[in-house]
């Protein structure tokens, strides 16, 4: 029988949880097993100190540690053996536009080995997974911290400018905003392209390390390769390699990295039952669109010309993914790493123009889709018009209140990147608080004290608005209950409970849709550059607050 080491963790919890666990088998087993078992094997590192060698068996995709002491290697020299695991977290699976948002669980967030909360700000970044073990072990030196903070600040400033431009065009129909947005895109895109180059440099640094800086390269530690023994291989192993390559493999272009993350999602879809997405209870199948990882539902009735463009887009994108998958599968067994890198660099050059053409096709498709009703958009709430107006005002007030809270939290996080800036319940409202880093300099402490004083005024105003909205909510619920009673009296086939359930469902759908506002804009608004779309889409994913998964 197989047995697991006490410190082993889960195997790759694909696209949404901690990836790649350490696993071992019992030496006394009599069961036939595949070489390496196509699992992520731990690697052993030997380090010497004054007492003798200390062994560090480590596995990339997990997080646990244990140790024992007074182990006598030669009968005379005492030493200690310490086992540790580096936590490598895979990014969460982005939901499709309008899809139910997975909720975080308190139990998960309180787990002994849970992913660092700071990672949630970087779910769409190319350095997400390589950064995770550095944050978990607090192994970011001052230079790396400063660069990460500067990147986050620059990204936040670009987001503020983009959102301000989008907000200024709210009164204009989406199909008529393209020219103004295209002009702004020409102005903003060069800076965003530089920002993306910085993100790629950070990814490479977190993977390979630097002078007195540790790295975390999954490819250097796994003891198995695709094709070593196909009898024991599955598409789960391919998913691991595609996702791992997106973050750790050199020789790929940034566009190919994003495409590989999408390919891993598609391979994950293949694990479902064949008819899962065409069930009447399923909203799928979804159309993988642009920016990469985004998925939408297409209208049922499309014009033939638009349908042809969508087919051409899907065919070209599928061909690009198939070529990437083939080269990675073949080169995964290359003995020399430089051969794999060179093959991927060659492919990157061959695919560059075609990837650009895919983006052009996506923009042409958007111009057609923006004129059609979005099938993911929830239906109108089935209540009288005057009540609907009051509900709309309430929802608008709630959106304004929430945006103010999130904007202040983001601003404070950028101003005090080493502190915790979080929401906390205070009496009958929700407020923001700053939990200070004890290593702060005197200058930063003074700056923080001023910010906390300003925050108190902000919290007081927001709390007043929160209480007012809570009262409005109670009044609306009472009124909706009365409306449901009246409607039930006129219709013998619907009870009050059924009508209230319909109202509640409609309100839930509407509130969920509001959380997808930036997602919808990033995917469907014509006129934005690909860089702007990725900036907005990454922010949208972060704001959905998706669960990152846990280790044990």
Protein backbone atom coordinates (compact mmCIF):
# COMPACT_ATOMS: atom_id res chain seq x y z
CA UNK A 1 0.00 0.00 0.00
CA UNK A 2 1.04 3.55 -0.54
CA UNK A 3 1.69 5.72 2.45
CA UNK A 4 2.26 9.44 2.63
CA UNK A 5 4.93 11.25 4.60
CA UNK A 6 3.55 13.05 7.66
CA UNK A 7 4.47 16.41 6.17
CA UNK A 8 3.09 15.79 2.70
CA UNK A 9 0.38 18.00 1.31
CA UNK A 10 -2.22 17.79 -1.39
CA UNK A 11 -1.19 17.22 -4.98
CA UNK A 12 -1.86 20.13 -7.31
CA UNK A 13 -5.23 21.61 -6.38
CA UNK A 14 -5.57 22.81 -9.94
CA UNK A 15 -6.13 26.47 -10.83
CA UNK A 16 -7.48 27.74 -7.57
CA UNK A 17 -5.59 26.21 -4.69
CA UNK A 18 -2.15 25.39 -3.44
CA UNK A 19 -0.40 23.47 -6.16
CA UNK A 20 1.89 20.49 -6.34
CA UNK A 21 2.33 18.55 -3.05
CA UNK A 22 5.19 16.45 -1.76
CA UNK A 23 4.49 12.75 -1.82
CA UNK A 24 6.46 9.58 -1.06
CA UNK A 25 5.80 5.83 -1.03
CA UNK A 26 6.60 3.07 1.43
CA UNK A 27 9.81 1.21 0.61
CA UNK A 28 8.28 -2.05 1.80
CA UNK A 29 5.38 -1.90 -0.62
CA UNK A 30 4.66 -4.89 -2.80
CA UNK A 31 2.30 -3.02 -5.11
CA UNK A 32 3.61 -2.24 -8.59
CA UNK A 33 4.11 1.50 -8.89
CA UNK A 34 5.12 3.84 -11.68
CA UNK A 35 8.54 5.51 -11.57
CA UNK A 36 8.18 8.76 -9.64
CA UNK A 37 4.42 8.12 -9.59
CA UNK A 38 4.01 11.25 -11.74
CA UNK A 39 3.83 13.29 -8.59
CA UNK A 40 5.89 16.19 -7.38
CA UNK A 41 8.84 14.66 -5.61
CA UNK A 42 10.65 16.48 -2.84
CA UNK A 43 14.28 17.39 -3.37
CA UNK A 44 17.00 17.14 -0.71
CA UNK A 45 19.44 19.97 -0.09
CA UNK A 46 22.54 19.39 2.04
CA UNK A 47 24.05 22.30 3.97
CA UNK A 48 27.04 22.22 6.29
CA UNK A 49 27.48 23.96 9.59
CA UNK A 50 29.83 23.71 12.53
CA UNK A 51 28.26 20.46 13.67
CA UNK A 52 28.06 18.60 10.39
CA UNK A 53 25.64 18.31 7.50
CA UNK A 54 22.01 19.33 7.87
CA UNK A 55 19.61 17.93 5.32
CA UNK A 56 16.73 19.97 3.96
CA UNK A 57 14.31 17.75 2.03
CA UNK A 58 12.07 20.24 0.30
CA UNK A 59 9.14 20.16 -2.05
CA UNK A 60 8.03 23.15 -4.03
CA UNK A 61 4.31 22.80 -3.90
CA UNK A 62 3.36 22.55 -0.29
CA UNK A 63 3.93 24.22 2.99
CA UNK A 64 4.78 22.46 6.20
CA UNK A 65 7.84 21.86 8.24
CA UNK A 66 9.00 19.61 11.00
CA UNK A 67 12.29 18.75 12.60
CA UNK A 68 14.12 16.53 15.01
CA UNK A 69 17.38 17.05 16.83
CA UNK A 70 20.45 15.22 18.13
CA UNK A 71 20.74 13.02 15.07
CA UNK A 72 24.21 11.48 15.16
CA UNK A 73 25.62 11.18 11.65
CA UNK A 74 28.97 9.57 12.54
CA UNK A 75 28.56 8.60 16.15
CA UNK A 76 30.30 11.71 17.45
CA UNK A 77 28.93 14.87 15.79
CA UNK A 78 25.43 15.99 16.80
CA UNK A 79 23.35 17.67 14.11
CA UNK A 80 19.74 18.62 13.47
CA UNK A 81 17.52 17.70 10.57
CA UNK A 82 14.79 20.09 9.53
CA UNK A 83 12.27 19.43 6.79
CA UNK A 84 10.44 22.31 5.20
CA UNK A 85 8.15 22.86 2.26
CA UNK A 86 7.93 25.93 0.11
CA UNK A 87 4.38 27.05 -0.55
CA UNK A 88 3.74 27.59 -4.23
CA UNK A 89 0.19 28.77 -4.77
CA UNK A 90 -1.64 28.47 -8.07
CA UNK A 91 -3.90 31.40 -8.95
CA UNK A 92 -7.67 30.93 -8.58
CA UNK A 93 -9.78 30.04 -11.60
CA UNK A 94 -11.37 33.29 -12.82
CA UNK A 95 -15.15 32.88 -13.01
CA UNK A 96 -16.93 33.58 -16.27
CA UNK A 97 -18.68 36.93 -16.63
CA UNK A 98 -21.73 36.89 -14.36
CA UNK A 99 -20.97 33.45 -12.93
CA UNK A 100 -21.48 32.71 -9.23
CA UNK A 101 -18.47 33.96 -7.25
CA UNK A 102 -16.84 31.37 -4.98
CA UNK A 103 -16.96 32.56 -1.39
CA UNK A 104 -14.11 32.51 1.07
CA UNK A 105 -14.57 30.38 4.15
CA UNK A 106 -13.49 31.45 7.61
CA UNK A 107 -12.17 27.96 8.28
CA UNK A 108 -9.95 28.18 5.21
CA UNK A 109 -8.50 31.56 6.10
CA UNK A 110 -7.67 30.31 9.60
CA UNK A 111 -5.91 27.18 8.36
CA UNK A 112 -2.46 26.53 9.78
CA UNK A 113 -0.80 26.95 6.41
CA UNK A 114 -2.89 29.35 4.37
CA UNK A 115 -1.66 31.44 1.41
CA UNK A 116 -0.45 34.96 2.24
CA UNK A 117 -3.33 37.42 1.95
CA UNK A 118 -1.12 39.87 0.01
CA UNK A 119 -1.18 37.48 -2.94
CA UNK A 120 -4.80 38.40 -3.63
CA UNK A 121 -3.61 41.72 -5.13
CA UNK A 122 -1.64 39.91 -7.84
CA UNK A 123 -3.92 37.12 -9.12
CA UNK A 124 -3.43 38.10 -12.79
CA UNK A 125 0.26 38.93 -12.60
CA UNK A 126 2.91 36.70 -14.26
CA UNK A 127 4.83 36.54 -10.97
CA UNK A 128 1.90 35.35 -8.81
CA UNK A 129 3.06 31.79 -8.10
CA UNK A 130 6.84 32.46 -7.89
CA UNK A 131 6.09 35.25 -5.38
CA UNK A 132 3.99 33.04 -3.09
CA UNK A 133 6.81 31.13 -1.30
CA UNK A 134 8.74 34.36 -0.76
CA UNK A 135 5.76 35.96 0.94
CA UNK A 136 4.95 32.84 2.93
CA UNK A 137 8.48 32.52 4.30
CA UNK A 138 8.94 36.31 4.56
CA UNK A 139 11.97 35.98 2.29
CA UNK A 140 11.53 39.27 0.43
CA UNK A 141 14.57 41.46 1.01
CA UNK A 142 14.36 45.24 1.05
CA UNK A 143 15.17 45.64 -2.65
CA UNK A 144 12.47 43.20 -3.69
CA UNK A 145 9.92 44.74 -1.35
CA UNK A 146 10.60 48.22 -2.66
CA UNK A 147 10.27 47.08 -6.27
CA UNK A 148 7.02 45.23 -5.55
CA UNK A 149 5.60 48.26 -3.73
CA UNK A 150 6.66 50.62 -6.51
CA UNK A 151 5.03 48.32 -9.07
CA UNK A 152 1.78 48.22 -7.11
CA UNK A 153 1.77 52.01 -6.72
CA UNK A 154 2.36 52.62 -10.44
CA UNK A 155 -0.33 50.09 -11.34
CA UNK A 156 -2.80 51.75 -8.97
CA UNK A 157 -2.13 55.18 -10.50
CA UNK A 158 -2.75 53.80 -14.00
CA UNK A 159 -6.01 52.24 -12.82
CA UNK A 160 -7.19 55.53 -11.32
CA UNK A 161 -6.54 57.32 -14.61
CA UNK A 162 -8.28 54.62 -16.67
CA UNK A 163 -11.33 54.49 -14.41
CA UNK A 164 -11.60 58.29 -14.41
CA UNK A 165 -11.69 58.25 -18.22
CA UNK A 166 -14.31 55.47 -18.26
CA UNK A 167 -16.43 57.29 -15.68
CA UNK A 168 -16.33 60.48 -17.76
CA UNK A 169 -17.93 58.57 -20.65
CA UNK A 170 -20.72 56.89 -18.67
CA UNK A 171 -23.45 59.02 -20.24
CA UNK A 172 -22.38 57.93 -23.74
CA UNK A 173 -23.66 54.58 -25.14
CA UNK A 174 -20.91 51.89 -25.07
CA UNK A 175 -20.80 51.62 -28.86
CA UNK A 176 -20.06 55.37 -29.16
CA UNK A 177 -17.19 55.54 -26.65
CA UNK A 178 -14.62 53.85 -28.89
CA UNK A 179 -13.02 56.94 -30.45
CA UNK A 180 -12.47 58.72 -27.13
CA UNK A 181 -11.11 55.56 -25.51
CA UNK A 182 -8.82 54.82 -28.47
CA UNK A 183 -7.28 58.30 -28.16
CA UNK A 184 -6.70 57.78 -24.44
CA UNK A 185 -5.28 54.30 -25.14
CA UNK A 186 -2.60 55.77 -27.39
CA UNK A 187 -1.60 58.05 -24.53
CA UNK A 188 -1.61 55.49 -21.71
CA UNK A 189 -0.47 52.25 -23.39
CA UNK A 190 3.32 52.96 -23.59
CA UNK A 191 3.45 53.33 -19.79
CA UNK A 192 1.40 50.16 -19.32
CA UNK A 193 3.71 48.23 -21.65
CA UNK A 194 6.66 49.31 -19.51
CA UNK A 195 4.77 48.20 -16.43
CA UNK A 196 4.23 44.75 -17.96
CA UNK A 197 7.95 44.51 -18.77
CA UNK A 198 8.69 45.24 -15.12
CA UNK A 199 6.28 42.47 -14.06
CA UNK A 200 8.11 40.01 -16.31
CA UNK A 201 11.48 41.04 -14.84
CA UNK A 202 10.08 40.47 -11.36
CA UNK A 203 8.80 37.03 -12.37
CA UNK A 204 12.24 36.03 -13.67
CA UNK A 205 13.89 37.30 -10.49
CA UNK A 206 11.52 35.39 -8.20
CA UNK A 207 12.11 32.22 -10.22
CA UNK A 208 15.89 32.31 -10.68
CA UNK A 209 16.89 34.51 -7.76
CA UNK A 210 19.70 37.02 -7.78
CA UNK A 211 22.75 38.12 -5.82
CA UNK A 212 22.01 36.91 -2.26
CA UNK A 213 18.37 36.36 -3.33
CA UNK A 214 16.68 32.97 -3.31
CA UNK A 215 14.70 31.64 -6.27
CA UNK A 216 11.89 29.13 -6.61
CA UNK A 217 12.05 27.22 -9.88
CA UNK A 218 9.61 24.32 -9.96
CA UNK A 219 11.29 22.84 -13.04
CA UNK A 220 14.55 22.43 -11.11
CA UNK A 221 13.02 20.29 -8.36
CA UNK A 222 10.41 18.02 -9.91
CA UNK A 223 11.69 14.50 -10.54
CA UNK A 224 9.33 13.52 -13.38
CA UNK A 225 8.70 14.58 -16.96
CA UNK A 226 5.84 14.21 -19.37
CA UNK A 227 6.21 11.09 -21.49
CA UNK A 228 8.51 9.25 -19.09
CA UNK A 229 5.86 6.58 -18.70
CA UNK A 230 2.55 7.25 -20.47
CA UNK A 231 0.92 4.28 -18.74
CA UNK A 232 0.78 6.32 -15.55
CA UNK A 233 0.28 9.71 -17.14
CA UNK A 234 -2.95 11.70 -17.26
CA UNK A 235 -4.15 15.11 -18.38
CA UNK A 236 -3.77 16.19 -14.75
CA UNK A 237 -0.01 15.93 -15.24
CA UNK A 238 -0.26 18.02 -18.40
CA UNK A 239 -2.20 20.66 -16.49
CA UNK A 240 0.59 20.82 -13.93
CA UNK A 241 3.22 21.30 -16.62
CA UNK A 242 1.25 23.89 -18.61
CA UNK A 243 0.50 25.93 -15.52
CA UNK A 244 4.02 25.48 -14.17
CA UNK A 245 5.50 26.57 -17.51
CA UNK A 246 3.35 29.72 -17.50
CA UNK A 247 5.14 30.89 -14.36
CA UNK A 248 8.54 29.18 -14.34
CA UNK A 249 9.64 28.26 -17.88
CA UNK A 250 12.09 30.59 -19.61
CA UNK A 251 11.88 31.25 -23.36
CA UNK A 252 8.16 32.07 -23.48
CA UNK A 253 6.72 35.45 -24.41
CA UNK A 254 4.31 37.16 -21.95
CA UNK A 255 1.44 36.49 -24.38
CA UNK A 256 2.32 32.79 -24.45
CA UNK A 257 2.38 32.68 -20.64
CA UNK A 258 -1.17 34.03 -20.50
CA UNK A 259 -2.22 31.59 -23.22
CA UNK A 260 -0.80 28.70 -21.19
CA UNK A 261 -2.82 29.71 -18.15
CA UNK A 262 -5.91 29.67 -20.34
CA UNK A 263 -4.88 26.29 -21.81
CA UNK A 264 -4.62 24.89 -18.28
CA UNK A 265 -8.17 26.09 -17.64
CA UNK A 266 -9.38 24.37 -20.82
CA UNK A 267 -7.64 21.14 -19.84
CA UNK A 268 -9.35 21.44 -16.47
CA UNK A 269 -12.68 21.64 -18.33
CA UNK A 270 -11.87 18.27 -19.87
CA UNK A 271 -12.08 16.68 -16.41
CA UNK A 272 -15.83 17.37 -16.30
CA UNK A 273 -18.47 14.99 -17.58
CA UNK A 274 -18.87 15.33 -21.38
CA UNK A 275 -22.38 16.80 -21.19
CA UNK A 276 -21.81 19.00 -18.12
CA UNK A 277 -21.93 22.32 -19.97
CA UNK A 278 -24.95 21.56 -22.14
CA UNK A 279 -27.19 20.65 -19.23
CA UNK A 280 -30.30 22.82 -18.99
CA UNK A 281 -29.23 23.81 -15.48
CA UNK A 282 -25.80 24.98 -16.69
CA UNK A 283 -25.16 28.52 -17.98
CA UNK A 284 -22.27 27.31 -20.18
CA UNK A 285 -20.57 26.58 -22.43
CA UNK A 286 -18.42 29.68 -22.16
CA UNK A 287 -16.47 31.43 -24.88
CA UNK A 288 -12.81 31.99 -23.97
CA UNK A 289 -12.24 35.57 -25.05
CA UNK A 290 -9.80 38.42 -24.55
CA UNK A 291 -7.98 39.28 -22.34
CA UNK A 292 -6.79 35.75 -21.72
CA UNK A 293 -8.62 33.82 -18.96
CA UNK A 294 -11.81 35.84 -19.50
CA UNK A 295 -14.93 33.86 -20.45
CA UNK A 296 -18.32 35.06 -21.60
CA UNK A 297 -21.63 33.69 -22.83
CA UNK A 298 -22.42 34.42 -26.46
CA UNK A 299 -25.89 35.53 -27.60
CA UNK A 300 -27.96 32.72 -29.10
CA UNK A 301 -28.61 34.53 -32.40
CA UNK A 302 -25.49 35.89 -34.04
CA UNK A 303 -25.18 37.46 -37.48
CA UNK A 304 -23.39 35.11 -39.93
CA UNK A 305 -20.51 37.58 -40.38
CA UNK A 306 -19.95 37.87 -36.62
CA UNK A 307 -20.21 34.10 -36.23
CA UNK A 308 -17.52 33.62 -38.89
CA UNK A 309 -15.18 36.01 -37.05
CA UNK A 310 -15.75 34.18 -33.78
CA UNK A 311 -15.00 30.87 -35.49
CA UNK A 312 -11.81 32.27 -37.03
CA UNK A 313 -10.77 33.63 -33.61
CA UNK A 314 -11.36 30.28 -31.92
CA UNK A 315 -9.55 28.33 -34.66
CA UNK A 316 -6.45 30.50 -34.57
CA UNK A 317 -6.29 30.56 -30.79
CA UNK A 318 -6.74 26.78 -30.63
CA UNK A 319 -3.94 26.31 -33.15
CA UNK A 320 -1.59 28.51 -31.11
CA UNK A 321 -2.37 26.56 -27.94
CA UNK A 322 -1.91 23.22 -29.70
CA UNK A 323 1.55 24.27 -30.92
CA UNK A 324 2.53 25.44 -27.45
CA UNK A 325 1.28 22.24 -25.87
CA UNK A 326 3.12 20.07 -28.40
CA UNK A 327 6.47 21.81 -27.95
CA UNK A 328 6.21 21.80 -24.16
CA UNK A 329 5.28 18.12 -24.11
CA UNK A 330 8.15 17.18 -26.41
CA UNK A 331 10.74 19.42 -24.76
CA UNK A 332 9.75 18.52 -21.21
CA UNK A 333 12.05 15.49 -21.51
CA UNK A 334 14.99 17.47 -22.89
CA UNK A 335 18.13 16.61 -20.90
CA UNK A 336 19.63 20.07 -21.30
CA UNK A 337 17.43 22.96 -20.20
CA UNK A 338 18.86 25.30 -22.86
CA UNK A 339 17.42 23.07 -25.61
CA UNK A 340 13.92 23.55 -24.20
CA UNK A 341 14.48 27.30 -23.84
CA UNK A 342 15.77 27.65 -27.41
CA UNK A 343 12.84 25.66 -28.83
CA UNK A 344 10.36 27.88 -26.98
CA UNK A 345 12.13 31.08 -28.05
CA UNK A 346 11.88 29.95 -31.66
CA UNK A 347 8.18 29.22 -31.24
CA UNK A 348 7.64 32.61 -29.55
CA UNK A 349 9.07 34.35 -32.60
CA UNK A 350 6.90 32.30 -34.95
CA UNK A 351 3.71 32.99 -32.99
CA UNK A 352 4.16 36.72 -32.27
CA UNK A 353 2.41 38.04 -35.41
CA UNK A 354 -0.41 35.52 -35.11
CA UNK A 355 -1.02 36.45 -31.47
CA UNK A 356 -1.29 40.09 -32.52
CA UNK A 357 -3.81 39.09 -35.21
CA UNK A 358 -5.89 37.29 -32.56
CA UNK A 359 -6.14 40.57 -30.63
CA UNK A 360 -7.27 42.37 -33.79
CA UNK A 361 -9.96 39.75 -34.37
CA UNK A 362 -11.10 40.12 -30.75
CA UNK A 363 -11.61 43.87 -31.26
CA UNK A 364 -13.67 43.24 -34.39
CA UNK A 365 -15.82 40.75 -32.47
CA UNK A 366 -16.33 43.26 -29.64
CA UNK A 367 -17.69 45.84 -32.06
CA UNK A 368 -20.40 43.34 -32.98
CA UNK A 369 -21.14 42.03 -29.49
CA UNK A 370 -21.59 45.47 -27.92
CA UNK A 371 -24.69 45.99 -30.09
CA UNK A 372 -26.34 42.80 -28.80
CA UNK A 373 -27.98 42.04 -25.44
CA UNK A 374 -25.63 40.32 -23.01
CA UNK A 375 -27.11 36.90 -22.07
CA UNK A 376 -25.28 36.98 -18.73
CA UNK A 377 -27.03 40.17 -17.63
CA UNK A 378 -29.78 39.39 -15.09
CA UNK A 379 -33.44 40.13 -15.92
CA UNK A 380 -35.26 43.10 -14.46
CA UNK A 381 -36.63 42.75 -10.94
CA UNK A 382 -40.34 41.70 -11.07
CA UNK A 383 -41.81 44.48 -8.90
CA UNK A 384 -43.78 47.69 -9.69
CA UNK A 385 -41.84 50.44 -11.42
CA UNK A 386 -41.93 52.93 -8.52
CA UNK A 387 -40.52 50.29 -6.18
CA UNK A 388 -37.93 49.32 -8.75
CA UNK A 389 -36.80 52.96 -8.84
CA UNK A 390 -36.35 53.01 -5.07
CA UNK A 391 -34.47 49.72 -5.19
CA UNK A 392 -32.22 51.12 -7.93
CA UNK A 393 -31.46 54.21 -5.83
CA UNK A 394 -30.65 52.01 -2.85
CA UNK A 395 -28.34 49.81 -4.94
CA UNK A 396 -26.65 52.87 -6.42
CA UNK A 397 -26.05 54.30 -2.93
CA UNK A 398 -24.62 50.95 -1.86
CA UNK A 399 -22.28 50.88 -4.87
CA UNK A 400 -21.04 54.41 -4.13
CA UNK A 401 -20.47 53.51 -0.48
CA UNK A 402 -18.62 50.31 -1.30
CA UNK A 403 -16.46 51.94 -3.97
CA UNK A 404 -15.42 54.63 -1.49
CA UNK A 405 -14.42 51.95 1.04
CA UNK A 406 -12.46 49.91 -1.49
CA UNK A 407 -10.78 53.00 -2.96
CA UNK A 408 -9.64 54.19 0.47
CA UNK A 409 -8.39 50.69 1.31
CA UNK A 410 -6.41 50.52 -1.93
CA UNK A 411 -4.95 54.00 -1.40
CA UNK A 412 -3.86 53.16 2.16
CA UNK A 413 -2.34 49.85 1.07
CA UNK A 414 -0.29 51.67 -1.52
CA UNK A 415 0.74 54.35 0.98
CA UNK A 416 1.60 51.83 3.72
CA UNK A 417 2.52 48.61 1.88
CA UNK A 418 4.11 47.04 4.99
CA UNK A 419 0.96 47.51 7.13
CA UNK A 420 -2.30 45.61 7.25
CA UNK A 421 -5.22 47.65 5.95
CA UNK A 422 -8.45 45.74 6.48
CA UNK A 423 -12.16 45.96 7.16
CA UNK A 424 -13.44 45.34 10.68
CA UNK A 425 -16.87 45.46 12.30
CA UNK A 426 -17.29 48.34 14.74
CA UNK A 427 -20.60 48.51 16.61
CA UNK A 428 -23.31 48.52 13.92
CA UNK A 429 -21.10 49.32 10.91
CA UNK A 430 -18.03 48.24 8.94
CA UNK A 431 -14.93 50.45 9.10
CA UNK A 432 -11.33 50.43 7.92
CA UNK A 433 -8.39 49.96 10.24
CA UNK A 434 -4.60 50.10 9.88
CA UNK A 435 -2.56 47.50 11.74
CA UNK A 436 0.93 48.97 11.94
CA UNK A 437 4.18 47.18 11.11
CA UNK A 438 6.31 47.26 14.26
CA UNK A 439 9.52 47.81 12.25
CA UNK A 440 8.38 51.13 10.79
CA UNK A 441 10.71 54.11 10.79
CA UNK A 442 9.88 57.17 12.95
CA UNK A 443 9.03 59.15 9.80
CA UNK A 444 6.59 56.48 8.64
CA UNK A 445 5.04 56.27 12.11
CA UNK A 446 4.31 60.00 12.05
CA UNK A 447 2.84 59.71 8.56
CA UNK A 448 0.69 56.77 9.70
CA UNK A 449 -0.63 58.63 12.73
CA UNK A 450 -1.81 61.45 10.45
CA UNK A 451 -3.46 58.93 8.14
CA UNK A 452 -5.21 57.22 11.06
CA UNK A 453 -6.59 60.58 12.20
CA UNK A 454 -7.97 61.24 8.70
CA UNK A 455 -9.30 57.69 8.57
CA UNK A 456 -11.33 58.27 11.75
CA UNK A 457 -13.24 61.10 10.04
CA UNK A 458 -13.74 58.99 6.93
CA UNK A 459 -14.95 56.01 8.97
CA UNK A 460 -17.44 58.17 10.88
CA UNK A 461 -18.99 59.47 7.65
CA UNK A 462 -19.08 56.01 6.08
CA UNK A 463 -20.60 54.49 9.22
CA UNK A 464 -23.39 57.05 9.12
CA UNK A 465 -24.12 56.12 5.52
CA UNK A 466 -23.99 52.42 6.37
CA UNK A 467 -26.59 52.79 9.12
CA UNK A 468 -28.85 54.84 6.84
CA UNK A 469 -28.67 52.19 4.13
CA UNK A 470 -29.40 49.43 6.66
CA UNK A 471 -32.61 51.25 7.61
CA UNK A 472 -33.57 51.76 3.96
CA UNK A 473 -33.01 48.06 3.42
CA UNK A 474 -35.41 47.18 6.25
CA UNK A 475 -38.08 49.47 4.81
CA UNK A 476 -37.68 47.99 1.31
CA UNK A 477 -37.86 44.44 2.62
CA UNK A 478 -41.08 45.26 4.50
CA UNK A 479 -42.57 46.88 1.40
CA UNK A 480 -41.55 43.96 -0.82
CA UNK A 481 -43.20 41.59 1.62
CA UNK A 482 -46.46 43.60 1.33
CA UNK A 483 -46.18 43.60 -2.49
CA UNK A 484 -45.64 39.84 -2.48
CA UNK A 485 -48.75 39.43 -0.32
CA UNK A 486 -50.84 41.54 -2.72
CA UNK A 487 -49.52 39.70 -5.78
CA UNK A 488 -50.15 36.32 -4.14
CA UNK A 489 -53.74 37.37 -3.45
CA UNK A 490 -54.25 38.13 -7.15
CA UNK A 491 -52.51 35.00 -8.41
CA UNK A 492 -53.64 31.70 -6.96
CA UNK A 493 -50.67 29.77 -8.30
CA UNK A 494 -47.94 31.68 -6.38
CA UNK A 495 -47.49 31.88 -2.63
CA UNK A 496 -45.91 34.79 -0.77
CA UNK A 497 -42.90 32.60 -0.04
CA UNK A 498 -42.43 31.82 -3.73
CA UNK A 499 -42.69 35.48 -4.74
CA UNK A 500 -40.24 36.54 -2.03
CA UNK A 501 -37.87 33.82 -3.22
CA UNK A 502 -38.12 35.23 -6.76
CA UNK A 503 -37.43 38.75 -5.49
CA UNK A 504 -34.47 37.56 -3.45
CA UNK A 505 -33.04 35.65 -6.41
CA UNK A 506 -33.43 38.66 -8.71
CA UNK A 507 -31.74 40.98 -6.19
CA UNK A 508 -28.90 38.50 -5.69
CA UNK A 509 -28.33 38.27 -9.44
CA UNK A 510 -28.36 42.06 -9.77
CA UNK A 511 -25.89 42.60 -6.94
CA UNK A 512 -23.57 39.96 -8.36
CA UNK A 513 -23.68 41.62 -11.76
CA UNK A 514 -22.61 44.92 -10.22
CA UNK A 515 -19.44 43.26 -8.94
CA UNK A 516 -18.57 42.32 -12.54
CA UNK A 517 -18.65 45.91 -13.84
CA UNK A 518 -14.89 46.19 -14.44
CA UNK A 519 -14.76 42.62 -15.81
CA UNK A 520 -17.48 43.45 -18.36
CA UNK A 521 -15.74 46.67 -19.40
CA UNK A 522 -12.36 44.96 -19.78
CA UNK A 523 -13.78 42.22 -22.00
CA UNK A 524 -16.52 43.91 -24.03
CA UNK A 525 -15.85 47.68 -24.23
CA UNK A 526 -14.44 48.57 -27.70
CA UNK A 527 -11.60 51.09 -27.93
CA UNK A 528 -9.33 49.93 -25.13
CA UNK A 529 -5.81 48.66 -25.83
CA UNK A 530 -4.88 45.07 -24.87
CA UNK A 531 -2.68 46.47 -22.09
CA UNK A 532 -5.57 48.50 -20.67
CA UNK A 533 -7.83 45.47 -20.82
CA UNK A 534 -5.33 43.38 -18.87
CA UNK A 535 -4.90 46.13 -16.29
CA UNK A 536 -8.66 46.43 -15.74
CA UNK A 537 -9.26 42.67 -15.87
CA UNK A 538 -6.55 41.99 -13.28
CA UNK A 539 -8.10 44.58 -10.99
CA UNK A 540 -11.55 43.06 -11.54
CA UNK A 541 -10.29 39.61 -10.51
CA UNK A 542 -8.64 41.03 -7.40
CA UNK A 543 -11.85 42.84 -6.42
CA UNK A 544 -13.85 39.58 -6.70
CA UNK A 545 -11.77 38.40 -3.72
CA UNK A 546 -11.51 34.81 -4.95
CA UNK A 547 -10.36 32.07 -2.55
CA UNK A 548 -6.71 31.15 -3.08
CA UNK A 549 -6.90 27.69 -1.52
CA UNK A 550 -5.02 26.26 1.43
CA UNK A 551 -2.43 23.76 2.46
CA UNK A 552 -2.50 21.51 5.45
